[in-house]
Amino acid sequence: MSYAAKTLVQGNRELIAFRIGGQEFCVNIMSVREIRGWTKATPMPHAPAYVLGVINLRGAVLPIVDLSARLGMKEAEPTARHVIIVAQMRERVVGLLVEAVSDILTITDENIQPVPEVSSDLERQYAQGILAIDKRMICMIELESLFREKESEAA
């Protein structure tokens, strides 16, 4: 049995945790294709404000999304310390600009707390839950809900 199959059988999930604007978020590791250093993006005309542009990733055009701006936070000012998480959502591949990757987490469903009712509609739309681990509060993001079909086409 493969490692991934054992993980699913045991009910565990692996997540990649990262920082944006002093807060921690995480996504399912199965959506992540790679993590790479910041590369300046070529701007695209008429793209949504949160799309920084595109880069060449081994011959493929990869849209780069400022995840901070997409989540309604302050726009990022990318530096050499920022990283791009290359993520797969359905058939689309997109680069997510984040400040830093902080951890790989292995959790069970019991670790996931519901999103509080006081959260904004946008937050409830993309947040799958909140993880309280080692005195840290980490928001678990569902990438596919963050990039609905219409918005994915724009990127």
C-alpha atoms as a PDB file:
ATOM      1  CA  MET A   1       0.000   0.000   0.000  1.00  0.00           C
ATOM      2  CA  SER A   2       1.376   3.436  -0.932  1.00  0.00           C
ATOM      3  CA  TYR A   3       2.008   6.140   1.651  1.00  0.00           C
ATOM      4  CA  ALA A   4      -0.883   8.236   0.255  1.00  0.00           C
ATOM      5  CA  ALA A   5      -3.239   5.261   0.506  1.00  0.00           C
ATOM      6  CA  LYS A   6      -2.165   4.557   4.115  1.00  0.00           C
ATOM      7  CA  THR A   7      -2.758   8.213   4.979  1.00  0.00           C
ATOM      8  CA  LEU A   8      -6.297   8.107   3.599  1.00  0.00           C
ATOM      9  CA  VAL A   9      -7.078   4.796   5.329  1.00  0.00           C
ATOM     10  CA  GLN A  10      -5.956   6.166   8.695  1.00  0.00           C
ATOM     11  CA  GLY A  11      -8.077   9.319   8.209  1.00  0.00           C
ATOM     12  CA  ASN A  12      -5.085  11.651   8.275  1.00  0.00           C
ATOM     13  CA  ARG A  13      -4.620  14.658   6.013  1.00  0.00           C
ATOM     14  CA  GLU A  14      -1.391  16.355   5.103  1.00  0.00           C
ATOM     15  CA  LEU A  15      -1.428  20.122   4.703  1.00  0.00           C
ATOM     16  CA  ILE A  16       1.099  22.771   3.693  1.00  0.00           C
ATOM     17  CA  ALA A  17       1.030  25.749   6.078  1.00  0.00           C
ATOM     18  CA  PHE A  18       2.148  29.205   4.936  1.00  0.00           C
ATOM     19  CA  ARG A  19       2.113  32.811   6.089  1.00  0.00           C
ATOM     20  CA  ILE A  20       0.383  35.836   4.592  1.00  0.00           C
ATOM     21  CA  GLY A  21       0.197  39.192   6.366  1.00  0.00           C
ATOM     22  CA  GLY A  22       1.222  37.755   9.725  1.00  0.00           C
ATOM     23  CA  GLN A  23      -1.475  35.055   9.620  1.00  0.00           C
ATOM     24  CA  GLU A  24      -1.147  31.342   8.926  1.00  0.00           C
ATOM     25  CA  PHE A  25      -3.155  29.453   6.356  1.00  0.00           C
ATOM     26  CA  CYS A  26      -2.916  25.944   4.957  1.00  0.00           C
ATOM     27  CA  VAL A  27      -3.999  23.943   1.909  1.00  0.00           C
ATOM     28  CA  ASN A  28      -4.192  20.242   1.136  1.00  0.00           C
ATOM     29  CA  ILE A  29      -0.759  18.966   0.145  1.00  0.00           C
ATOM     30  CA  MET A  30      -2.362  16.959  -2.674  1.00  0.00           C
ATOM     31  CA  SER A  31      -3.113  20.255  -4.507  1.00  0.00           C
ATOM     32  CA  VAL A  32       0.520  21.400  -4.326  1.00  0.00           C
ATOM     33  CA  ARG A  33       2.731  20.521  -7.274  1.00  0.00           C
ATOM     34  CA  GLU A  34       5.822  22.434  -6.173  1.00  0.00           C
ATOM     35  CA  ILE A  35       7.120  25.354  -4.126  1.00  0.00           C
ATOM     36  CA  ARG A  36       9.515  27.754  -5.815  1.00  0.00           C
ATOM     37  CA  GLY A  37      11.193  31.073  -5.170  1.00  0.00           C
ATOM     38  CA  TRP A  38       9.683  34.376  -6.249  1.00  0.00           C
ATOM     39  CA  THR A  39      10.011  35.206  -9.938  1.00  0.00           C
ATOM     40  CA  LYS A  40       8.854  38.562 -11.287  1.00  0.00           C
ATOM     41  CA  ALA A  41       5.644  38.128 -13.254  1.00  0.00           C
ATOM     42  CA  THR A  42       4.805  39.730 -16.584  1.00  0.00           C
ATOM     43  CA  PRO A  43       1.600  41.764 -16.100  1.00  0.00           C
ATOM     44  CA  MET A  44      -1.468  40.797 -18.138  1.00  0.00           C
ATOM     45  CA  PRO A  45      -3.871  43.473 -19.404  1.00  0.00           C
ATOM     46  CA  HIS A  46      -7.443  43.331 -18.065  1.00  0.00           C
ATOM     47  CA  ALA A  47      -6.553  40.698 -15.445  1.00  0.00           C
ATOM     48  CA  PRO A  48      -8.243  40.852 -12.024  1.00  0.00           C
ATOM     49  CA  ALA A  49      -6.370  43.029  -9.499  1.00  0.00           C
ATOM     50  CA  TYR A  50      -5.171  39.984  -7.546  1.00  0.00           C
ATOM     51  CA  VAL A  51      -3.485  38.431 -10.630  1.00  0.00           C
ATOM     52  CA  LEU A  52       0.099  39.717 -10.680  1.00  0.00           C
ATOM     53  CA  GLY A  53       0.751  38.373 -14.172  1.00  0.00           C
ATOM     54  CA  VAL A  54       2.292  35.250 -15.673  1.00  0.00           C
ATOM     55  CA  ILE A  55       5.652  33.481 -15.553  1.00  0.00           C
ATOM     56  CA  ASN A  56       7.239  30.823 -17.734  1.00  0.00           C
ATOM     57  CA  LEU A  57       7.338  27.545 -15.792  1.00  0.00           C
ATOM     58  CA  ARG A  58       9.354  25.076 -17.872  1.00  0.00           C
ATOM     59  CA  GLY A  59       7.651  26.149 -21.073  1.00  0.00           C
ATOM     60  CA  ALA A  60       4.144  26.554 -19.621  1.00  0.00           C
ATOM     61  CA  VAL A  61       2.469  29.907 -18.912  1.00  0.00           C
ATOM     62  CA  LEU A  62       1.608  30.053 -15.212  1.00  0.00           C
ATOM     63  CA  PRO A  63      -0.683  32.784 -13.811  1.00  0.00           C
ATOM     64  CA  ILE A  64       0.549  34.192 -10.486  1.00  0.00           C
ATOM     65  CA  VAL A  65      -2.085  35.176  -7.925  1.00  0.00           C
ATOM     66  CA  ASP A  66      -1.361  37.432  -4.957  1.00  0.00           C
ATOM     67  CA  LEU A  67      -3.126  35.230  -2.398  1.00  0.00           C
ATOM     68  CA  SER A  68      -3.086  38.061   0.137  1.00  0.00           C
ATOM     69  CA  ALA A  69      -5.048  40.337  -2.221  1.00  0.00           C
ATOM     70  CA  ARG A  70      -7.374  37.477  -3.220  1.00  0.00           C
ATOM     71  CA  LEU A  71      -8.232  36.906   0.435  1.00  0.00           C
ATOM     72  CA  GLY A  72      -9.142  40.588   0.836  1.00  0.00           C
ATOM     73  CA  MET A  73      -5.987  41.487   2.744  1.00  0.00           C
ATOM     74  CA  LYS A  74      -3.322  44.075   1.923  1.00  0.00           C
ATOM     75  CA  GLU A  75      -1.647  43.499  -1.447  1.00  0.00           C
ATOM     76  CA  ALA A  76       1.778  41.876  -1.190  1.00  0.00           C
ATOM     77  CA  GLU A  77       4.949  43.663  -2.162  1.00  0.00           C
ATOM     78  CA  PRO A  78       6.967  40.652  -3.372  1.00  0.00           C
ATOM     79  CA  THR A  79      10.590  40.313  -2.292  1.00  0.00           C
ATOM     80  CA  ALA A  80      13.194  37.590  -2.781  1.00  0.00           C
ATOM     81  CA  ARG A  81      11.888  36.000   0.445  1.00  0.00           C
ATOM     82  CA  HIS A  82       8.396  35.381  -0.983  1.00  0.00           C
ATOM     83  CA  VAL A  83       7.588  32.013  -2.509  1.00  0.00           C
ATOM     84  CA  ILE A  84       5.203  30.717  -5.122  1.00  0.00           C
ATOM     85  CA  ILE A  85       3.132  27.641  -4.325  1.00  0.00           C
ATOM     86  CA  VAL A  86       2.298  25.981  -7.642  1.00  0.00           C
ATOM     87  CA  ALA A  87      -1.142  24.462  -7.074  1.00  0.00           C
ATOM     88  CA  GLN A  88      -3.434  22.293  -9.198  1.00  0.00           C
ATOM     89  CA  MET A  89      -7.167  22.973  -9.094  1.00  0.00           C
ATOM     90  CA  ARG A  90      -9.132  20.663 -11.360  1.00  0.00           C
ATOM     91  CA  GLU A  91      -7.422  21.058 -14.760  1.00  0.00           C
ATOM     92  CA  ARG A  92      -5.930  24.456 -13.922  1.00  0.00           C
ATOM     93  CA  VAL A  93      -2.504  25.155 -12.492  1.00  0.00           C
ATOM     94  CA  VAL A  94      -1.903  28.473 -10.748  1.00  0.00           C
ATOM     95  CA  GLY A  95       0.951  30.035  -8.767  1.00  0.00           C
ATOM     96  CA  LEU A  96       0.037  31.416  -5.350  1.00  0.00           C
ATOM     97  CA  LEU A  97       2.285  34.161  -3.978  1.00  0.00           C
ATOM     98  CA  VAL A  98       2.782  33.779  -0.203  1.00  0.00           C
ATOM     99  CA  GLU A  99       5.290  35.221   2.274  1.00  0.00           C
ATOM    100  CA  ALA A 100       6.758  31.876   3.342  1.00  0.00           C
ATOM    101  CA  VAL A 101       5.913  28.203   3.723  1.00  0.00           C
ATOM    102  CA  SER A 102       6.064  27.430   7.434  1.00  0.00           C
ATOM    103  CA  ASP A 103       5.193  23.779   7.960  1.00  0.00           C
ATOM    104  CA  ILE A 104       3.859  20.464   6.733  1.00  0.00           C
ATOM    105  CA  LEU A 105       1.046  19.347   9.026  1.00  0.00           C
ATOM    106  CA  THR A 106      -0.493  15.903   9.474  1.00  0.00           C
ATOM    107  CA  ILE A 107      -3.949  16.211  10.990  1.00  0.00           C
ATOM    108  CA  THR A 108      -7.138  14.234  11.480  1.00  0.00           C
ATOM    109  CA  ASP A 109     -10.680  15.511  11.023  1.00  0.00           C
ATOM    110  CA  GLU A 110     -10.913  15.956  14.821  1.00  0.00           C
ATOM    111  CA  ASN A 111      -8.273  18.732  14.590  1.00  0.00           C
ATOM    112  CA  ILE A 112     -10.540  20.852  12.348  1.00  0.00           C
ATOM    113  CA  GLN A 113     -12.782  23.359  14.128  1.00  0.00           C
ATOM    114  CA  PRO A 114     -15.704  25.022  12.316  1.00  0.00           C
ATOM    115  CA  VAL A 115     -15.305  28.551  10.968  1.00  0.00           C
ATOM    116  CA  PRO A 116     -16.845  30.991  13.502  1.00  0.00           C
ATOM    117  CA  GLU A 117     -20.192  32.563  12.593  1.00  0.00           C
ATOM    118  CA  VAL A 118     -18.708  36.048  13.047  1.00  0.00           C
ATOM    119  CA  SER A 119     -16.504  35.527   9.976  1.00  0.00           C
ATOM    120  CA  SER A 120     -17.166  37.423   6.769  1.00  0.00           C
ATOM    121  CA  ASP A 121     -19.079  35.807   3.897  1.00  0.00           C
ATOM    122  CA  LEU A 122     -15.865  35.662   1.859  1.00  0.00           C
ATOM    123  CA  GLU A 123     -14.033  33.880   4.679  1.00  0.00           C
ATOM    124  CA  ARG A 124     -16.826  31.335   5.153  1.00  0.00           C
ATOM    125  CA  GLN A 125     -16.794  30.769   1.380  1.00  0.00           C
ATOM    126  CA  TYR A 126     -13.125  29.687   1.181  1.00  0.00           C
ATOM    127  CA  ALA A 127     -12.344  28.518   4.739  1.00  0.00           C
ATOM    128  CA  GLN A 128     -12.892  24.814   5.397  1.00  0.00           C
ATOM    129  CA  GLY A 129     -12.115  25.185   9.063  1.00  0.00           C
ATOM    130  CA  ILE A 130      -9.681  26.411  11.680  1.00  0.00           C
ATOM    131  CA  LEU A 131      -6.839  24.352  13.135  1.00  0.00           C
ATOM    132  CA  ALA A 132      -5.700  25.065  16.688  1.00  0.00           C
ATOM    133  CA  ILE A 133      -2.263  23.425  16.811  1.00  0.00           C
ATOM    134  CA  ASP A 134       0.568  24.230  19.245  1.00  0.00           C
ATOM    135  CA  LYS A 135      -0.985  27.579  20.257  1.00  0.00           C
ATOM    136  CA  ARG A 136      -1.301  28.516  16.555  1.00  0.00           C
ATOM    137  CA  MET A 137      -4.542  29.300  14.740  1.00  0.00           C
ATOM    138  CA  ILE A 138      -4.335  28.180  11.111  1.00  0.00           C
ATOM    139  CA  CYS A 139      -7.113  28.788   8.591  1.00  0.00           C
ATOM    140  CA  MET A 140      -7.634  25.824   6.255  1.00  0.00           C
ATOM    141  CA  ILE A 141      -8.354  27.059   2.713  1.00  0.00           C
ATOM    142  CA  GLU A 142     -10.326  25.243   0.028  1.00  0.00           C
ATOM    143  CA  LEU A 143      -8.573  26.477  -3.127  1.00  0.00           C
ATOM    144  CA  GLU A 144     -11.323  25.463  -5.535  1.00  0.00           C
ATOM    145  CA  SER A 145     -13.884  27.627  -3.720  1.00  0.00           C
ATOM    146  CA  LEU A 146     -11.432  30.545  -3.790  1.00  0.00           C
ATOM    147  CA  PHE A 147     -11.178  30.388  -7.571  1.00  0.00           C
ATOM    148  CA  ARG A 148     -14.630  29.818  -8.979  1.00  0.00           C
ATOM    149  CA  GLU A 149     -14.904  28.840 -12.649  1.00  0.00           C
ATOM    150  CA  LYS A 150     -15.467  32.395 -13.960  1.00  0.00           C
ATOM    151  CA  GLU A 151     -12.541  33.784 -11.971  1.00  0.00           C
ATOM    152  CA  SER A 152     -10.242  30.905 -12.933  1.00  0.00           C
ATOM    153  CA  GLU A 153     -10.886  31.661 -16.595  1.00  0.00           C
ATOM    154  CA  ALA A 154      -9.872  35.290 -16.016  1.00  0.00           C
ATOM    155  CA  ALA A 155      -6.569  34.115 -14.543  1.00  0.00           C
END
